[in-house]
Amino acid sequence: MICLIGGEEKTGKSTLALTFPKPMVYHEFDIGGYDRAKKSDTEYITLHKYTIPLQASMKNGTMVPSKTVIGIKELWYKFLYDFNQACLNDDVKTIVIDTWYQLWEVARLGVLQEKQELQFDDNGQLKKGETKIRTALLQIEYGEPNARMRNIMFYAKGMNKHLVLVTYDKDEYKPQIDPDGRLVEVRTGKKLYAGWSETQKHADIALWNRLENGVFTTEITLPGVVPMEYVGMKFEDFSYDLLAGLIHD
């Protein structure tokens, strides 16, 4: 199954991900989460860590923001190699990506880096007709990073792996008319899954973790593989074994 796990920081998301069947390959972009969540038994977990390069360069002895994207494309392909190896390994039962939000950033910025590289000649100079370095993708160009994320989800499922996607939370905003009659975006107070917008459409189940009165709870927000009556229900000490019981209920 493809399982999306969201929630605020330090609400047991990584701990829940680690309850899925082993052997497991854990792709960590949110460095430190795995170490906080891991138990003593890590014999059947392979960990890959990915540090996102500092987007800055030295100028006149001072670090300044880089106009060009640095090392993100290379990081994407390093992840892609490790991910493919995990999918091809018949022994691996679960692949975890922590966080899915950061992988989306890597996919998006990696494509931007590729677009920037096309602006320069072999001598590192802007080609004729290029007036300035691009700093963002055009809306029409998001098809490529979208396709890359979609391929990750479909490929893991096609290779018969559990794919667990751990992500951050974000604030929900909705348009409202302010007292001056202007249309403004206002925070509603509701939290949403952060990251790639199509994720829930392709996930088999979505879970939302909270820390309430010192107790970790997990709410099923997207049913998919469990009966509809479980949507909105909260569980304490949720795990893969509990989820598997609900699936076969």
C-alpha atoms as a PDB file:
ATOM      1  CA  MET A   1       0.000   0.000   0.000  1.00  0.00           C
ATOM      2  CA  ILE A   2       0.954   3.648  -0.309  1.00  0.00           C
ATOM      3  CA  CYS A   3       0.541   5.252   3.116  1.00  0.00           C
ATOM      4  CA  LEU A   4       0.787   9.012   3.706  1.00  0.00           C
ATOM      5  CA  ILE A   5       1.572  10.094   7.282  1.00  0.00           C
ATOM      6  CA  GLY A   6       1.258  13.769   8.227  1.00  0.00           C
ATOM      7  CA  GLY A   7       1.152  15.906  11.339  1.00  0.00           C
ATOM      8  CA  GLU A   8       3.069  18.501  13.307  1.00  0.00           C
ATOM      9  CA  GLU A   9       6.688  18.049  14.340  1.00  0.00           C
ATOM     10  CA  LYS A  10       7.495  15.330  16.866  1.00  0.00           C
ATOM     11  CA  THR A  11       4.099  13.616  16.851  1.00  0.00           C
ATOM     12  CA  GLY A  12       5.398  10.104  16.199  1.00  0.00           C
ATOM     13  CA  LYS A  13       5.245  10.090  12.392  1.00  0.00           C
ATOM     14  CA  SER A  14       8.637   8.434  11.904  1.00  0.00           C
ATOM     15  CA  THR A  15       7.955   6.049  14.791  1.00  0.00           C
ATOM     16  CA  LEU A  16       4.745   4.938  13.070  1.00  0.00           C
ATOM     17  CA  ALA A  17       6.555   4.516   9.740  1.00  0.00           C
ATOM     18  CA  LEU A  18       9.085   2.212  11.396  1.00  0.00           C
ATOM     19  CA  THR A  19       6.340  -0.221  12.452  1.00  0.00           C
ATOM     20  CA  PHE A  20       5.800  -1.280   8.813  1.00  0.00           C
ATOM     21  CA  PRO A  21       7.082  -4.692   7.651  1.00  0.00           C
ATOM     22  CA  LYS A  22      10.809  -5.390   7.427  1.00  0.00           C
ATOM     23  CA  PRO A  23      13.221  -5.573   5.682  1.00  0.00           C
ATOM     24  CA  MET A  24      12.857  -1.834   5.154  1.00  0.00           C
ATOM     25  CA  VAL A  25      14.781   0.839   3.274  1.00  0.00           C
ATOM     26  CA  TYR A  26      14.543   4.262   4.931  1.00  0.00           C
ATOM     27  CA  HIS A  27      15.324   7.356   2.836  1.00  0.00           C
ATOM     28  CA  GLU A  28      15.936  10.224   5.256  1.00  0.00           C
ATOM     29  CA  PHE A  29      15.908  13.860   4.129  1.00  0.00           C
ATOM     30  CA  ASP A  30      14.756  15.174   7.521  1.00  0.00           C
ATOM     31  CA  ILE A  31      18.015  14.339   9.279  1.00  0.00           C
ATOM     32  CA  GLY A  32      17.535  13.309  12.913  1.00  0.00           C
ATOM     33  CA  GLY A  33      13.997  11.978  12.702  1.00  0.00           C
ATOM     34  CA  TYR A  34      15.127   8.395  12.206  1.00  0.00           C
ATOM     35  CA  ASP A  35      17.518   8.504  15.171  1.00  0.00           C
ATOM     36  CA  ARG A  36      14.749   9.822  17.436  1.00  0.00           C
ATOM     37  CA  ALA A  37      12.304   7.160  16.284  1.00  0.00           C
ATOM     38  CA  LYS A  38      14.459   4.060  15.908  1.00  0.00           C
ATOM     39  CA  LYS A  39      14.380   1.223  18.384  1.00  0.00           C
ATOM     40  CA  SER A  40      17.326  -0.946  19.364  1.00  0.00           C
ATOM     41  CA  ASP A  41      16.525  -3.500  16.643  1.00  0.00           C
ATOM     42  CA  THR A  42      17.627  -1.967  13.323  1.00  0.00           C
ATOM     43  CA  GLU A  43      19.095  -5.131  11.787  1.00  0.00           C
ATOM     44  CA  TYR A  44      16.521  -5.224   9.005  1.00  0.00           C
ATOM     45  CA  ILE A  45      16.528  -1.485   8.214  1.00  0.00           C
ATOM     46  CA  THR A  46      18.822   0.056   5.589  1.00  0.00           C
ATOM     47  CA  LEU A  47      19.222   3.801   6.096  1.00  0.00           C
ATOM     48  CA  HIS A  48      20.134   6.311   3.385  1.00  0.00           C
ATOM     49  CA  LYS A  49      20.704   9.920   4.479  1.00  0.00           C
ATOM     50  CA  TYR A  50      20.453  12.871   2.087  1.00  0.00           C
ATOM     51  CA  THR A  51      21.756  16.296   3.108  1.00  0.00           C
ATOM     52  CA  ILE A  52      20.404  19.103   0.938  1.00  0.00           C
ATOM     53  CA  PRO A  53      23.363  21.255  -0.203  1.00  0.00           C
ATOM     54  CA  LEU A  54      23.712  24.797   1.119  1.00  0.00           C
ATOM     55  CA  GLN A  55      22.341  27.159  -1.516  1.00  0.00           C
ATOM     56  CA  ALA A  56      25.035  29.807  -1.080  1.00  0.00           C
ATOM     57  CA  SER A  57      28.435  30.706  -2.500  1.00  0.00           C
ATOM     58  CA  MET A  58      31.490  32.648  -1.413  1.00  0.00           C
ATOM     59  CA  LYS A  59      31.841  36.208  -2.709  1.00  0.00           C
ATOM     60  CA  ASN A  60      34.559  38.570  -1.491  1.00  0.00           C
ATOM     61  CA  GLY A  61      35.033  36.437   1.596  1.00  0.00           C
ATOM     62  CA  THR A  62      31.324  36.434   2.460  1.00  0.00           C
ATOM     63  CA  MET A  63      28.667  33.779   2.004  1.00  0.00           C
ATOM     64  CA  VAL A  64      25.824  35.056  -0.187  1.00  0.00           C
ATOM     65  CA  PRO A  65      22.698  33.360  -1.594  1.00  0.00           C
ATOM     66  CA  SER A  66      23.473  31.531  -4.833  1.00  0.00           C
ATOM     67  CA  LYS A  67      21.689  32.652  -7.979  1.00  0.00           C
ATOM     68  CA  THR A  68      22.052  29.149  -9.395  1.00  0.00           C
ATOM     69  CA  VAL A  69      20.742  25.961  -7.827  1.00  0.00           C
ATOM     70  CA  ILE A  70      23.651  23.950  -6.403  1.00  0.00           C
ATOM     71  CA  GLY A  71      23.837  20.163  -6.188  1.00  0.00           C
ATOM     72  CA  ILE A  72      20.091  19.443  -6.102  1.00  0.00           C
ATOM     73  CA  LYS A  73      19.940  17.616  -9.440  1.00  0.00           C
ATOM     74  CA  GLU A  74      22.792  15.371  -8.286  1.00  0.00           C
ATOM     75  CA  LEU A  75      20.998  14.680  -5.003  1.00  0.00           C
ATOM     76  CA  TRP A  76      17.822  13.678  -6.884  1.00  0.00           C
ATOM     77  CA  TYR A  77      19.674  11.135  -8.992  1.00  0.00           C
ATOM     78  CA  LYS A  78      21.523   9.759  -5.960  1.00  0.00           C
ATOM     79  CA  PHE A  79      18.145   9.190  -4.281  1.00  0.00           C
ATOM     80  CA  LEU A  80      16.694   7.732  -7.474  1.00  0.00           C
ATOM     81  CA  TYR A  81      19.504   5.160  -7.685  1.00  0.00           C
ATOM     82  CA  ASP A  82      19.018   4.084  -4.052  1.00  0.00           C
ATOM     83  CA  PHE A  83      15.231   4.001  -4.462  1.00  0.00           C
ATOM     84  CA  ASN A  84      15.444   1.857  -7.604  1.00  0.00           C
ATOM     85  CA  GLN A  85      17.810  -0.583  -5.879  1.00  0.00           C
ATOM     86  CA  ALA A  86      15.307  -0.938  -3.019  1.00  0.00           C
ATOM     87  CA  CYS A  87      12.448  -1.555  -5.456  1.00  0.00           C
ATOM     88  CA  LEU A  88      14.456  -4.207  -7.319  1.00  0.00           C
ATOM     89  CA  ASN A  89      15.382  -6.036  -4.105  1.00  0.00           C
ATOM     90  CA  ASP A  90      12.836  -8.832  -3.662  1.00  0.00           C
ATOM     91  CA  ASP A  91      13.599  -9.037   0.080  1.00  0.00           C
ATOM     92  CA  VAL A  92      12.590  -5.423   0.771  1.00  0.00           C
ATOM     93  CA  LYS A  93       8.994  -5.119   1.937  1.00  0.00           C
ATOM     94  CA  THR A  94       8.750  -1.406   2.858  1.00  0.00           C
ATOM     95  CA  ILE A  95      10.283   1.808   1.543  1.00  0.00           C
ATOM     96  CA  VAL A  96      10.009   4.949   3.679  1.00  0.00           C
ATOM     97  CA  ILE A  97      10.611   8.525   2.448  1.00  0.00           C
ATOM     98  CA  ASP A  98      11.042  11.059   5.274  1.00  0.00           C
ATOM     99  CA  THR A  99      10.051  13.630   4.372  1.00  0.00           C
ATOM    100  CA  TRP A 100       8.006  13.457   1.191  1.00  0.00           C
ATOM    101  CA  TYR A 101       7.747  17.251   1.352  1.00  0.00           C
ATOM    102  CA  GLN A 102      11.522  17.614   1.053  1.00  0.00           C
ATOM    103  CA  LEU A 103      11.684  15.132  -1.815  1.00  0.00           C
ATOM    104  CA  TRP A 104       9.145  17.309  -3.654  1.00  0.00           C
ATOM    105  CA  GLU A 105      11.464  20.297  -3.103  1.00  0.00           C
ATOM    106  CA  VAL A 106      14.378  18.271  -4.484  1.00  0.00           C
ATOM    107  CA  ALA A 107      12.349  17.192  -7.536  1.00  0.00           C
ATOM    108  CA  ARG A 108      11.183  20.743  -8.230  1.00  0.00           C
ATOM    109  CA  LEU A 109      14.551  22.438  -7.689  1.00  0.00           C
ATOM    110  CA  GLY A 110      16.378  19.679  -9.568  1.00  0.00           C
ATOM    111  CA  VAL A 111      14.345  20.478 -12.677  1.00  0.00           C
ATOM    112  CA  LEU A 112      15.058  24.188 -12.173  1.00  0.00           C
ATOM    113  CA  GLN A 113      18.792  23.405 -11.969  1.00  0.00           C
ATOM    114  CA  GLU A 114      18.559  21.533 -15.269  1.00  0.00           C
ATOM    115  CA  LYS A 115      16.791  24.517 -16.859  1.00  0.00           C
ATOM    116  CA  GLN A 116      19.468  26.879 -15.521  1.00  0.00           C
ATOM    117  CA  GLU A 117      22.288  24.708 -16.870  1.00  0.00           C
ATOM    118  CA  LEU A 118      20.805  24.998 -20.367  1.00  0.00           C
ATOM    119  CA  GLN A 119      21.287  28.782 -20.140  1.00  0.00           C
ATOM    120  CA  PHE A 120      25.090  28.521 -19.974  1.00  0.00           C
ATOM    121  CA  ASP A 121      27.717  27.640 -22.589  1.00  0.00           C
ATOM    122  CA  ASP A 122      30.723  25.370 -22.062  1.00  0.00           C
ATOM    123  CA  ASN A 123      32.696  28.293 -20.621  1.00  0.00           C
ATOM    124  CA  GLY A 124      30.146  28.977 -17.904  1.00  0.00           C
ATOM    125  CA  GLN A 125      28.831  32.127 -19.572  1.00  0.00           C
ATOM    126  CA  LEU A 126      25.198  32.934 -20.311  1.00  0.00           C
ATOM    127  CA  LYS A 127      24.368  31.963 -23.875  1.00  0.00           C
ATOM    128  CA  LYS A 128      23.468  34.591 -26.428  1.00  0.00           C
ATOM    129  CA  GLY A 129      19.904  35.715 -25.895  1.00  0.00           C
ATOM    130  CA  GLU A 130      19.897  34.774 -22.185  1.00  0.00           C
ATOM    131  CA  THR A 131      19.666  37.979 -20.166  1.00  0.00           C
ATOM    132  CA  LYS A 132      19.391  36.668 -16.604  1.00  0.00           C
ATOM    133  CA  ILE A 133      19.483  33.438 -14.634  1.00  0.00           C
ATOM    134  CA  ARG A 134      16.101  31.827 -14.095  1.00  0.00           C
ATOM    135  CA  THR A 135      14.982  31.646 -10.467  1.00  0.00           C
ATOM    136  CA  ALA A 136      11.698  29.724 -10.764  1.00  0.00           C
ATOM    137  CA  LEU A 137       9.876  27.252 -12.972  1.00  0.00           C
ATOM    138  CA  LEU A 138       7.059  28.432 -15.193  1.00  0.00           C
ATOM    139  CA  GLN A 139       3.665  26.947 -14.348  1.00  0.00           C
ATOM    140  CA  ILE A 140       3.702  24.935 -17.578  1.00  0.00           C
ATOM    141  CA  GLU A 141       7.061  23.410 -16.585  1.00  0.00           C
ATOM    142  CA  TYR A 142       5.724  21.764 -13.430  1.00  0.00           C
ATOM    143  CA  GLY A 143       4.702  18.789 -15.555  1.00  0.00           C
ATOM    144  CA  GLU A 144       8.214  17.329 -15.219  1.00  0.00           C
ATOM    145  CA  PRO A 145       8.574  17.386 -11.392  1.00  0.00           C
ATOM    146  CA  ASN A 146       4.941  16.231 -11.125  1.00  0.00           C
ATOM    147  CA  ALA A 147       5.738  13.270 -13.384  1.00  0.00           C
ATOM    148  CA  ARG A 148       8.811  12.404 -11.306  1.00  0.00           C
ATOM    149  CA  MET A 149       6.823  12.272  -8.070  1.00  0.00           C
ATOM    150  CA  ARG A 150       4.016  10.309  -9.691  1.00  0.00           C
ATOM    151  CA  ASN A 151       6.539   7.807 -11.049  1.00  0.00           C
ATOM    152  CA  ILE A 152       7.998   7.244  -7.557  1.00  0.00           C
ATOM    153  CA  MET A 153       4.569   6.288  -6.203  1.00  0.00           C
ATOM    154  CA  PHE A 154       3.489   4.113  -9.135  1.00  0.00           C
ATOM    155  CA  TYR A 155       6.850   2.365  -9.473  1.00  0.00           C
ATOM    156  CA  ALA A 156       6.962   1.311  -5.807  1.00  0.00           C
ATOM    157  CA  LYS A 157       3.421   0.008  -6.019  1.00  0.00           C
ATOM    158  CA  GLY A 158       4.164  -1.806  -9.269  1.00  0.00           C
ATOM    159  CA  MET A 159       7.161  -3.465  -7.602  1.00  0.00           C
ATOM    160  CA  ASN A 160       4.896  -4.701  -4.787  1.00  0.00           C
ATOM    161  CA  LYS A 161       6.376  -2.565  -1.991  1.00  0.00           C
ATOM    162  CA  HIS A 162       4.764  -0.734   0.892  1.00  0.00           C
ATOM    163  CA  LEU A 163       5.600   2.941   0.326  1.00  0.00           C
ATOM    164  CA  VAL A 164       5.356   5.116   3.449  1.00  0.00           C
ATOM    165  CA  LEU A 165       5.467   8.885   2.851  1.00  0.00           C
ATOM    166  CA  VAL A 166       6.131  11.003   5.938  1.00  0.00           C
ATOM    167  CA  THR A 167       5.377  14.700   5.513  1.00  0.00           C
ATOM    168  CA  TYR A 168       4.987  17.989   7.373  1.00  0.00           C
ATOM    169  CA  ASP A 169       1.852  19.948   8.154  1.00  0.00           C
ATOM    170  CA  LYS A 170       0.908  23.312   6.644  1.00  0.00           C
ATOM    171  CA  ASP A 171      -1.745  25.935   7.351  1.00  0.00           C
ATOM    172  CA  GLU A 172      -4.920  26.045   5.281  1.00  0.00           C
ATOM    173  CA  TYR A 173      -5.794  29.430   3.733  1.00  0.00           C
ATOM    174  CA  LYS A 174      -9.093  30.456   2.176  1.00  0.00           C
ATOM    175  CA  PRO A 175     -10.075  33.658   0.339  1.00  0.00           C
ATOM    176  CA  GLN A 176     -12.213  36.151   2.254  1.00  0.00           C
ATOM    177  CA  ILE A 177     -13.353  39.725   1.753  1.00  0.00           C
ATOM    178  CA  ASP A 178     -11.681  42.088   4.242  1.00  0.00           C
ATOM    179  CA  PRO A 179     -13.412  45.211   5.700  1.00  0.00           C
ATOM    180  CA  ASP A 180     -12.063  47.286   2.795  1.00  0.00           C
ATOM    181  CA  GLY A 181     -13.657  45.000   0.242  1.00  0.00           C
ATOM    182  CA  ARG A 182     -10.405  43.382  -0.850  1.00  0.00           C
ATOM    183  CA  LEU A 183     -10.022  39.658  -1.510  1.00  0.00           C
ATOM    184  CA  VAL A 184      -7.377  38.286   0.863  1.00  0.00           C
ATOM    185  CA  GLU A 185      -6.114  34.848   1.888  1.00  0.00           C
ATOM    186  CA  VAL A 186      -6.958  34.133   5.526  1.00  0.00           C
ATOM    187  CA  ARG A 187      -5.635  31.288   7.661  1.00  0.00           C
ATOM    188  CA  THR A 188      -8.497  29.029   8.756  1.00  0.00           C
ATOM    189  CA  GLY A 189      -6.712  27.300  11.635  1.00  0.00           C
ATOM    190  CA  LYS A 190      -6.944  23.913   9.916  1.00  0.00           C
ATOM    191  CA  LYS A 191      -3.784  21.920   9.161  1.00  0.00           C
ATOM    192  CA  LEU A 192      -3.163  20.173   5.831  1.00  0.00           C
ATOM    193  CA  TYR A 193      -0.627  17.714   4.417  1.00  0.00           C
ATOM    194  CA  ALA A 194       2.332  19.693   3.073  1.00  0.00           C
ATOM    195  CA  GLY A 195       4.116  18.875  -0.173  1.00  0.00           C
ATOM    196  CA  TRP A 196       3.147  17.578  -3.573  1.00  0.00           C
ATOM    197  CA  SER A 197      -0.506  18.372  -4.222  1.00  0.00           C
ATOM    198  CA  GLU A 198      -1.422  15.082  -5.960  1.00  0.00           C
ATOM    199  CA  THR A 199      -0.208  12.816  -3.149  1.00  0.00           C
ATOM    200  CA  GLN A 200      -3.568  12.071  -1.529  1.00  0.00           C
ATOM    201  CA  LYS A 201      -5.107  11.294  -4.917  1.00  0.00           C
ATOM    202  CA  HIS A 202      -2.653   8.436  -5.430  1.00  0.00           C
ATOM    203  CA  ALA A 203      -2.252   7.252  -1.808  1.00  0.00           C
ATOM    204  CA  ASP A 204      -4.130   4.191  -0.531  1.00  0.00           C
ATOM    205  CA  ILE A 205      -4.536   5.595   2.978  1.00  0.00           C
ATOM    206  CA  ALA A 206      -3.687   8.849   4.767  1.00  0.00           C
ATOM    207  CA  LEU A 207      -3.008   9.169   8.499  1.00  0.00           C
ATOM    208  CA  TRP A 208      -2.732  12.293  10.661  1.00  0.00           C
ATOM    209  CA  ASN A 209      -0.694  12.213  13.864  1.00  0.00           C
ATOM    210  CA  ARG A 210      -1.198  14.435  16.903  1.00  0.00           C
ATOM    211  CA  LEU A 211       0.150  14.752  20.422  1.00  0.00           C
ATOM    212  CA  GLU A 212      -2.888  15.316  22.672  1.00  0.00           C
ATOM    213  CA  ASN A 213      -2.540  15.573  26.462  1.00  0.00           C
ATOM    214  CA  GLY A 214       0.736  13.677  26.330  1.00  0.00           C
ATOM    215  CA  VAL A 215      -0.699  10.864  24.184  1.00  0.00           C
ATOM    216  CA  PHE A 216       0.130  10.208  20.521  1.00  0.00           C
ATOM    217  CA  THR A 217      -3.000   9.709  18.418  1.00  0.00           C
ATOM    218  CA  THR A 218      -3.469   8.797  14.760  1.00  0.00           C
ATOM    219  CA  GLU A 219      -6.537   9.744  12.735  1.00  0.00           C
ATOM    220  CA  ILE A 220      -7.490   8.064   9.468  1.00  0.00           C
ATOM    221  CA  THR A 221      -8.317  10.878   7.038  1.00  0.00           C
ATOM    222  CA  LEU A 222      -8.376   8.934   3.759  1.00  0.00           C
ATOM    223  CA  PRO A 223      -9.729   5.365   3.862  1.00  0.00           C
ATOM    224  CA  GLY A 224      -8.658   3.614   0.672  1.00  0.00           C
ATOM    225  CA  VAL A 225      -7.792   0.190   2.071  1.00  0.00           C
ATOM    226  CA  VAL A 226      -9.975   0.311   5.217  1.00  0.00           C
ATOM    227  CA  PRO A 227     -13.767   0.466   5.585  1.00  0.00           C
ATOM    228  CA  MET A 228     -15.274   3.954   5.255  1.00  0.00           C
ATOM    229  CA  GLU A 229     -16.569   3.967   8.841  1.00  0.00           C
ATOM    230  CA  TYR A 230     -13.012   4.297  10.146  1.00  0.00           C
ATOM    231  CA  VAL A 231     -12.519   7.718   8.526  1.00  0.00           C
ATOM    232  CA  GLY A 232     -12.231  10.368  11.247  1.00  0.00           C
ATOM    233  CA  MET A 233     -11.556   7.840  13.979  1.00  0.00           C
ATOM    234  CA  LYS A 234      -8.553   8.387  16.268  1.00  0.00           C
ATOM    235  CA  PHE A 235      -6.374   5.597  17.628  1.00  0.00           C
ATOM    236  CA  GLU A 236      -3.715   5.567  20.346  1.00  0.00           C
ATOM    237  CA  ASP A 237      -0.377   3.809  19.727  1.00  0.00           C
ATOM    238  CA  PHE A 238      -1.261   3.209  16.088  1.00  0.00           C
ATOM    239  CA  SER A 239       0.917   0.777  14.135  1.00  0.00           C
ATOM    240  CA  TYR A 240       1.057  -1.252  10.945  1.00  0.00           C
ATOM    241  CA  ASP A 241      -0.273  -4.316  12.788  1.00  0.00           C
ATOM    242  CA  LEU A 242      -3.314  -2.356  13.958  1.00  0.00           C
ATOM    243  CA  LEU A 243      -3.832  -1.021  10.438  1.00  0.00           C
ATOM    244  CA  ALA A 244      -3.584  -4.516   8.960  1.00  0.00           C
ATOM    245  CA  GLY A 245      -6.276  -5.635  11.429  1.00  0.00           C
ATOM    246  CA  LEU A 246      -8.581  -2.836  10.241  1.00  0.00           C
ATOM    247  CA  ILE A 247      -7.988  -3.795   6.611  1.00  0.00           C
ATOM    248  CA  HIS A 248      -9.112  -7.352   7.260  1.00  0.00           C
ATOM    249  CA  ASP A 249     -11.896  -6.378   9.679  1.00  0.00           C
END
